[in-house]
Protein backbone atom coordinates (compact mmCIF):
# COMPACT_ATOMS: atom_id res chain seq x y z
CA UNK A 1 -122.67 -15.87 -79.95
CA UNK A 2 -121.45 -20.02 -78.58
CA UNK A 3 -121.39 -21.88 -80.92
CA UNK A 4 -121.20 -25.77 -80.94
CA UNK A 5 -121.62 -28.76 -84.03
CA UNK A 6 -121.42 -31.73 -83.16
CA UNK A 7 -120.79 -34.87 -85.37
CA UNK A 8 -118.35 -35.73 -88.33
CA UNK A 9 -115.06 -34.56 -89.12
CA UNK A 10 -112.61 -36.16 -92.03
CA UNK A 11 -109.34 -36.10 -94.02
CA UNK A 12 -109.92 -34.86 -97.45
CA UNK A 13 -107.26 -35.85 -99.64
CA UNK A 14 -106.85 -34.58 -103.40
CA UNK A 15 -104.73 -37.46 -105.46
CA UNK A 16 -103.89 -34.95 -107.75
CA UNK A 17 -102.43 -32.27 -106.24
CA UNK A 18 -100.78 -34.17 -103.50
CA UNK A 19 -103.07 -32.00 -100.86
CA UNK A 20 -104.54 -32.83 -97.43
CA UNK A 21 -107.06 -30.34 -95.76
CA UNK A 22 -109.38 -31.60 -92.41
CA UNK A 23 -112.95 -31.56 -93.01
CA UNK A 24 -116.47 -33.09 -92.49
CA UNK A 25 -119.72 -31.54 -92.24
CA UNK A 26 -120.07 -30.96 -89.29
CA UNK A 27 -116.47 -30.35 -88.83
CA UNK A 28 -116.55 -27.80 -91.57
CA UNK A 29 -119.32 -25.64 -89.58
CA UNK A 30 -117.33 -25.11 -86.62
CA UNK A 31 -114.35 -23.84 -88.51
CA UNK A 32 -116.07 -21.90 -90.60
CA UNK A 33 -117.84 -20.21 -87.49
CA UNK A 34 -114.07 -19.95 -85.57
CA UNK A 35 -113.11 -17.63 -89.24
CA UNK A 36 -116.15 -15.56 -88.18
CA UNK A 37 -114.65 -14.66 -84.72
CA UNK A 38 -117.65 -16.50 -83.02
CA UNK A 39 -117.42 -18.85 -79.67
CA UNK A 40 -117.23 -22.49 -81.80
CA UNK A 41 -116.46 -25.74 -80.35
CA UNK A 42 -116.40 -28.86 -82.20
CA UNK A 43 -117.45 -31.83 -80.69
CA UNK A 44 -116.66 -35.67 -82.65
CA UNK A 45 -114.49 -39.02 -82.53
CA UNK A 46 -111.30 -39.81 -84.54
CA UNK A 47 -109.86 -43.53 -84.68
CA UNK A 48 -106.73 -44.56 -82.58
CA UNK A 49 -104.05 -43.93 -86.40
CA UNK A 50 -102.29 -41.45 -88.12
CA UNK A 51 -105.15 -40.17 -89.38
CA UNK A 52 -106.61 -39.03 -86.17
CA UNK A 53 -103.68 -37.39 -85.20
CA UNK A 54 -103.64 -35.44 -88.65
CA UNK A 55 -107.45 -34.66 -87.65
CA UNK A 56 -106.35 -33.47 -84.19
CA UNK A 57 -103.29 -31.08 -85.70
CA UNK A 58 -106.24 -29.46 -88.17
CA UNK A 59 -108.39 -28.24 -85.42
CA UNK A 60 -105.28 -27.10 -83.75
CA UNK A 61 -104.15 -25.08 -86.37
CA UNK A 62 -107.74 -23.16 -86.63
CA UNK A 63 -107.92 -22.42 -83.52
CA UNK A 64 -110.25 -25.53 -82.11
CA UNK A 65 -109.72 -27.20 -78.99
CA UNK A 66 -109.07 -31.04 -80.09
CA UNK A 67 -110.09 -31.86 -76.29
CA UNK A 68 -113.70 -31.97 -77.26
CA UNK A 69 -112.58 -34.65 -79.72
CA UNK A 70 -112.60 -38.64 -78.19
CA UNK A 71 -110.62 -41.15 -79.49
CA UNK A 72 -111.91 -44.73 -79.95
CA UNK A 73 -110.14 -48.01 -81.51
CA UNK A 74 -110.75 -48.10 -85.12
CA UNK A 75 -110.02 -45.85 -88.57
CA UNK A 76 -110.54 -42.34 -88.55
CA UNK A 77 -112.48 -40.87 -91.79
CA UNK A 78 -110.43 -40.37 -95.37
CA UNK A 79 -112.09 -39.26 -98.74
CA UNK A 80 -110.17 -39.58 -101.34
CA UNK A 81 -110.89 -36.85 -104.06
CA UNK A 82 -109.83 -36.37 -108.11
CA UNK A 83 -109.97 -32.80 -108.60
CA UNK A 84 -109.28 -32.21 -112.06
CA UNK A 85 -110.40 -29.06 -114.06
CA UNK A 86 -112.98 -28.46 -111.18
CA UNK A 87 -114.39 -31.57 -111.24
CA UNK A 88 -114.95 -33.07 -108.62
CA UNK A 89 -114.62 -37.14 -108.01
CA UNK A 90 -114.75 -38.93 -104.84
CA UNK A 91 -112.38 -42.28 -105.16
CA UNK A 92 -112.74 -43.56 -101.89
CA UNK A 93 -114.97 -43.03 -98.44
CA UNK A 94 -113.47 -44.42 -95.39
CA UNK A 95 -116.40 -42.90 -93.00
CA UNK A 96 -114.31 -44.17 -89.50
CA UNK A 97 -116.01 -44.36 -85.90
CA UNK A 98 -117.59 -41.56 -86.62
CA UNK A 99 -120.59 -43.00 -88.51
CA UNK A 100 -121.28 -44.87 -84.65
CA UNK A 101 -120.23 -42.59 -82.07
CA UNK A 102 -122.68 -41.76 -79.82
CA UNK A 103 -122.06 -38.26 -77.96
CA UNK A 104 -122.45 -38.69 -74.46
CA UNK A 105 -124.65 -37.05 -71.95
CA UNK A 106 -121.87 -34.41 -71.39
CA UNK A 107 -121.73 -33.46 -73.89
CA UNK A 108 -125.25 -32.63 -74.33
CA UNK A 109 -125.28 -31.45 -70.57
CA UNK A 110 -122.41 -28.75 -71.63
CA UNK A 111 -124.20 -27.50 -75.08
CA UNK A 112 -127.58 -27.11 -73.63
CA UNK A 113 -126.53 -23.47 -72.28
CA UNK A 114 -125.25 -22.95 -75.94
CA UNK A 115 -127.05 -20.26 -78.15
CA UNK A 116 -126.78 -22.87 -80.84
CA UNK A 117 -125.60 -26.51 -81.56
CA UNK A 118 -125.19 -27.81 -85.60
CA UNK A 119 -125.99 -31.70 -85.90
CA UNK A 120 -124.84 -33.56 -88.79
CA UNK A 121 -122.85 -36.90 -89.90
CA UNK A 122 -124.14 -38.68 -86.20
CA UNK A 123 -125.72 -41.94 -85.87
CA UNK A 124 -128.88 -43.01 -85.94
CA UNK A 125 -129.26 -44.85 -82.78
CA UNK A 126 -127.64 -42.10 -80.67
CA UNK A 127 -131.07 -39.86 -80.47
CA UNK A 128 -129.00 -36.48 -80.78
CA UNK A 129 -132.44 -34.95 -82.34
CA UNK A 130 -134.74 -35.99 -79.31
CA UNK A 131 -131.96 -35.67 -76.52
CA UNK A 132 -131.11 -32.05 -77.87
CA UNK A 133 -134.57 -31.23 -77.63
CA UNK A 134 -135.47 -32.53 -74.37
CA UNK A 135 -133.62 -30.15 -73.44
CA UNK A 136 -135.13 -27.31 -75.33
CA UNK A 137 -132.01 -26.69 -76.97
CA UNK A 138 -132.27 -24.21 -80.26
CA UNK A 139 -130.62 -26.18 -82.70
CA UNK A 140 -130.65 -27.44 -86.37
CA UNK A 141 -129.59 -30.45 -88.17
CA UNK A 142 -127.97 -31.64 -91.36
CA UNK A 143 -129.98 -34.25 -93.70
CA UNK A 144 -127.34 -33.92 -96.54
CA UNK A 145 -129.19 -36.33 -99.17
CA UNK A 146 -130.51 -38.28 -96.67
CA UNK A 147 -134.12 -37.72 -97.04
CA UNK A 148 -136.25 -40.98 -95.29
CA UNK A 149 -137.04 -39.41 -92.36
CA UNK A 150 -139.91 -39.78 -89.96
CA UNK A 151 -139.67 -36.73 -86.95
CA UNK A 152 -137.88 -33.60 -86.99
CA UNK A 153 -140.17 -32.37 -84.63
CA UNK A 154 -137.79 -29.94 -81.73
CA UNK A 155 -135.35 -28.96 -84.90
CA UNK A 156 -135.68 -25.06 -85.65
CA UNK A 157 -133.91 -25.56 -89.24
CA UNK A 158 -133.41 -28.38 -90.75
CA UNK A 159 -131.21 -28.57 -94.11
CA UNK A 160 -131.10 -30.49 -96.89
CA UNK A 161 -129.62 -30.63 -100.52
CA UNK A 162 -131.41 -31.37 -103.56
CA UNK A 163 -129.27 -32.23 -106.73
CA UNK A 164 -130.71 -30.16 -108.89
CA UNK A 165 -132.67 -27.10 -109.96
CA UNK A 166 -135.39 -25.05 -107.49
CA UNK A 167 -138.47 -26.97 -109.09
CA UNK A 168 -140.98 -28.76 -107.22
CA UNK A 169 -138.56 -31.43 -106.56
CA UNK A 170 -136.91 -29.16 -103.95
CA UNK A 171 -139.72 -27.46 -102.94
CA UNK A 172 -141.72 -30.73 -102.10
CA UNK A 173 -138.21 -31.72 -100.48
CA UNK A 174 -138.73 -28.50 -98.16
CA UNK A 175 -142.46 -28.81 -97.65
CA UNK A 176 -141.39 -32.45 -96.20
CA UNK A 177 -139.53 -31.22 -93.66
CA UNK A 178 -141.91 -28.81 -92.73
CA UNK A 179 -144.71 -31.47 -92.39
CA UNK A 180 -142.10 -33.66 -90.19
CA UNK A 181 -142.25 -30.58 -88.12
CA UNK A 182 -138.74 -28.63 -88.62
CA UNK A 183 -139.64 -24.60 -88.57
CA UNK A 184 -137.05 -23.81 -90.89
CA UNK A 185 -136.51 -25.58 -93.95
CA UNK A 186 -133.69 -25.32 -95.73
CA UNK A 187 -132.87 -26.59 -99.39
CA UNK A 188 -129.69 -26.22 -100.92
CA UNK A 189 -129.46 -27.09 -104.48
CA UNK A 190 -125.73 -26.06 -105.49
CA UNK A 191 -125.34 -23.72 -108.63
CA UNK A 192 -128.82 -23.78 -108.78
CA UNK A 193 -129.71 -22.11 -105.59
CA UNK A 194 -131.74 -22.42 -102.29
CA UNK A 195 -134.79 -22.38 -100.77
CA UNK A 196 -136.19 -21.50 -97.30
CA UNK A 197 -139.70 -22.54 -96.22
CA UNK A 198 -141.30 -21.34 -92.76
CA UNK A 199 -145.23 -22.79 -92.45
CA UNK A 200 -146.23 -22.06 -95.92
CA UNK A 201 -144.07 -19.53 -96.86
CA UNK A 202 -140.96 -19.72 -98.59
CA UNK A 203 -137.82 -17.49 -99.93
CA UNK A 204 -135.66 -18.49 -103.11
CA UNK A 205 -131.93 -17.29 -104.03
CA UNK A 206 -130.06 -17.55 -107.14
CA UNK A 207 -126.53 -19.14 -106.87
CA UNK A 208 -123.04 -16.76 -107.69
CA UNK A 209 -122.58 -17.23 -111.12
CA UNK A 210 -118.84 -18.28 -110.73
CA UNK A 211 -116.36 -21.38 -111.95
CA UNK A 212 -115.71 -23.16 -108.79
CA UNK A 213 -112.25 -24.22 -107.76
CA UNK A 214 -113.78 -27.13 -105.39
CA UNK A 215 -117.14 -27.20 -104.12
CA UNK A 216 -116.11 -29.39 -101.24
CA UNK A 217 -117.51 -27.55 -97.77
CA UNK A 218 -119.63 -25.40 -100.41
CA UNK A 219 -123.02 -26.97 -98.28
CA UNK A 220 -121.56 -26.87 -94.72
CA UNK A 221 -119.79 -22.96 -95.25
CA UNK A 222 -123.55 -21.84 -96.30
CA UNK A 223 -124.91 -24.21 -93.26
CA UNK A 224 -122.91 -22.12 -91.03
CA UNK A 225 -123.64 -18.46 -92.48
CA UNK A 226 -127.39 -19.08 -92.34
CA UNK A 227 -127.25 -20.22 -88.77
CA UNK A 228 -125.26 -16.76 -87.85
CA UNK A 229 -127.70 -14.95 -89.84
CA UNK A 230 -131.02 -16.35 -88.34
CA UNK A 231 -129.53 -16.24 -84.21
CA UNK A 232 -128.88 -12.53 -84.91
CA UNK A 233 -132.42 -12.40 -85.93
CA UNK A 234 -131.77 -11.75 -89.53
CA UNK A 235 -134.57 -11.74 -92.06
CA UNK A 236 -134.54 -15.37 -94.41
CA UNK A 237 -133.89 -12.88 -97.07
CA UNK A 238 -130.49 -12.06 -96.11
CA UNK A 239 -129.70 -14.91 -94.68
CA UNK A 240 -129.77 -16.53 -97.76
CA UNK A 241 -128.17 -14.10 -99.25
CA UNK A 242 -124.74 -14.30 -96.58
CA UNK A 243 -124.78 -17.65 -96.71
CA UNK A 244 -125.31 -17.78 -100.68
CA UNK A 245 -121.92 -15.53 -100.24
CA UNK A 246 -120.13 -18.10 -97.97
CA UNK A 247 -120.50 -20.89 -100.14
CA UNK A 248 -119.38 -18.56 -102.89
CA UNK A 249 -116.23 -18.24 -101.33
CA UNK A 250 -115.78 -21.71 -100.32
CA UNK A 251 -115.75 -22.71 -104.17
CA UNK A 252 -112.88 -20.42 -104.84
CA UNK A 253 -110.26 -22.31 -102.49
CA UNK A 254 -109.22 -26.28 -102.09
CA UNK A 255 -110.83 -27.26 -98.99
CA UNK A 256 -114.28 -27.29 -97.11
CA UNK A 257 -112.83 -23.95 -95.31
CA UNK A 258 -110.34 -21.57 -95.70
CA UNK A 259 -106.56 -23.19 -94.14
CA UNK A 260 -103.43 -24.37 -95.21
CA UNK A 261 -102.98 -27.49 -96.98
CA UNK A 262 -100.79 -29.58 -96.16
CA UNK A 263 -98.43 -32.21 -98.42
CA UNK A 264 -99.87 -36.18 -98.27
CA UNK A 265 -98.34 -38.15 -95.89
CA UNK A 266 -96.81 -41.58 -96.83
CA UNK A 267 -98.21 -43.36 -94.11
CA UNK A 268 -101.76 -42.19 -95.75
CA UNK A 269 -100.97 -42.69 -99.43
CA UNK A 270 -100.28 -46.72 -98.14
CA UNK A 271 -103.12 -46.81 -96.51
CA UNK A 272 -105.13 -45.88 -99.29
CA UNK A 273 -103.59 -45.09 -102.24
CA UNK A 274 -104.36 -48.74 -103.08
CA UNK A 275 -108.37 -48.09 -103.52
CA UNK A 276 -107.70 -45.58 -105.66
CA UNK A 277 -104.54 -44.68 -108.60
CA UNK A 278 -103.08 -41.26 -107.71
CA UNK A 279 -102.46 -40.63 -111.88
CA UNK A 280 -105.89 -39.19 -113.58
């Protein structure tokens, strides 16, 4: 399978543990695919700062090609996280240059022949859905917690998050996604499980009960696994089972995918720790 993820990246800074990992919705998906030994590429943007250098270094360490990343004037995405007794608190978020980055036509042309493209964290004005759909690309989008969408025409799988049980709200969101044009609507509800709706048919899955170390990137791990199973032609039930297992594994380590965390560079501390005390 040739897979491409297009969109956001960031540095996840765990201030209590003095640990640094690379992440971001789109990058996490590409990294998960690479860990699954798939032919995976990641396309995104970083700023011309030290954080951008760290993202590129992390991308290379996991076997992805950082030449697919463009450098823009400005800051790279950085998230400060307080993680105490498995409880996660976002202390500060610098969304960086990726928020307004528009993938070039050359990137779209490159991925047009791939087996799958996943888009996450891309500027609304980039018209990524329309551009991929016009080229008849099989693709998915991550709506995350942003549920104000007008059209999902051309989207094969739309993923979204719902903060709560698999009750009416999650089902209503899946129905809205289907009505907007998504062929498959997948709603992730964290510890409450997940569901997939296709047409009027719905398949639900319970979460695995564990004590998480860190839930960062669990949804992205779910997405990467679900897409792999879907492209392989596996059933919705099987896809949900495998995706749930992959998300569970991610919750058992720090960071959005398996990687060797680094200590936080002093330059990052000087730039960002003024926004959040490193002490609990």
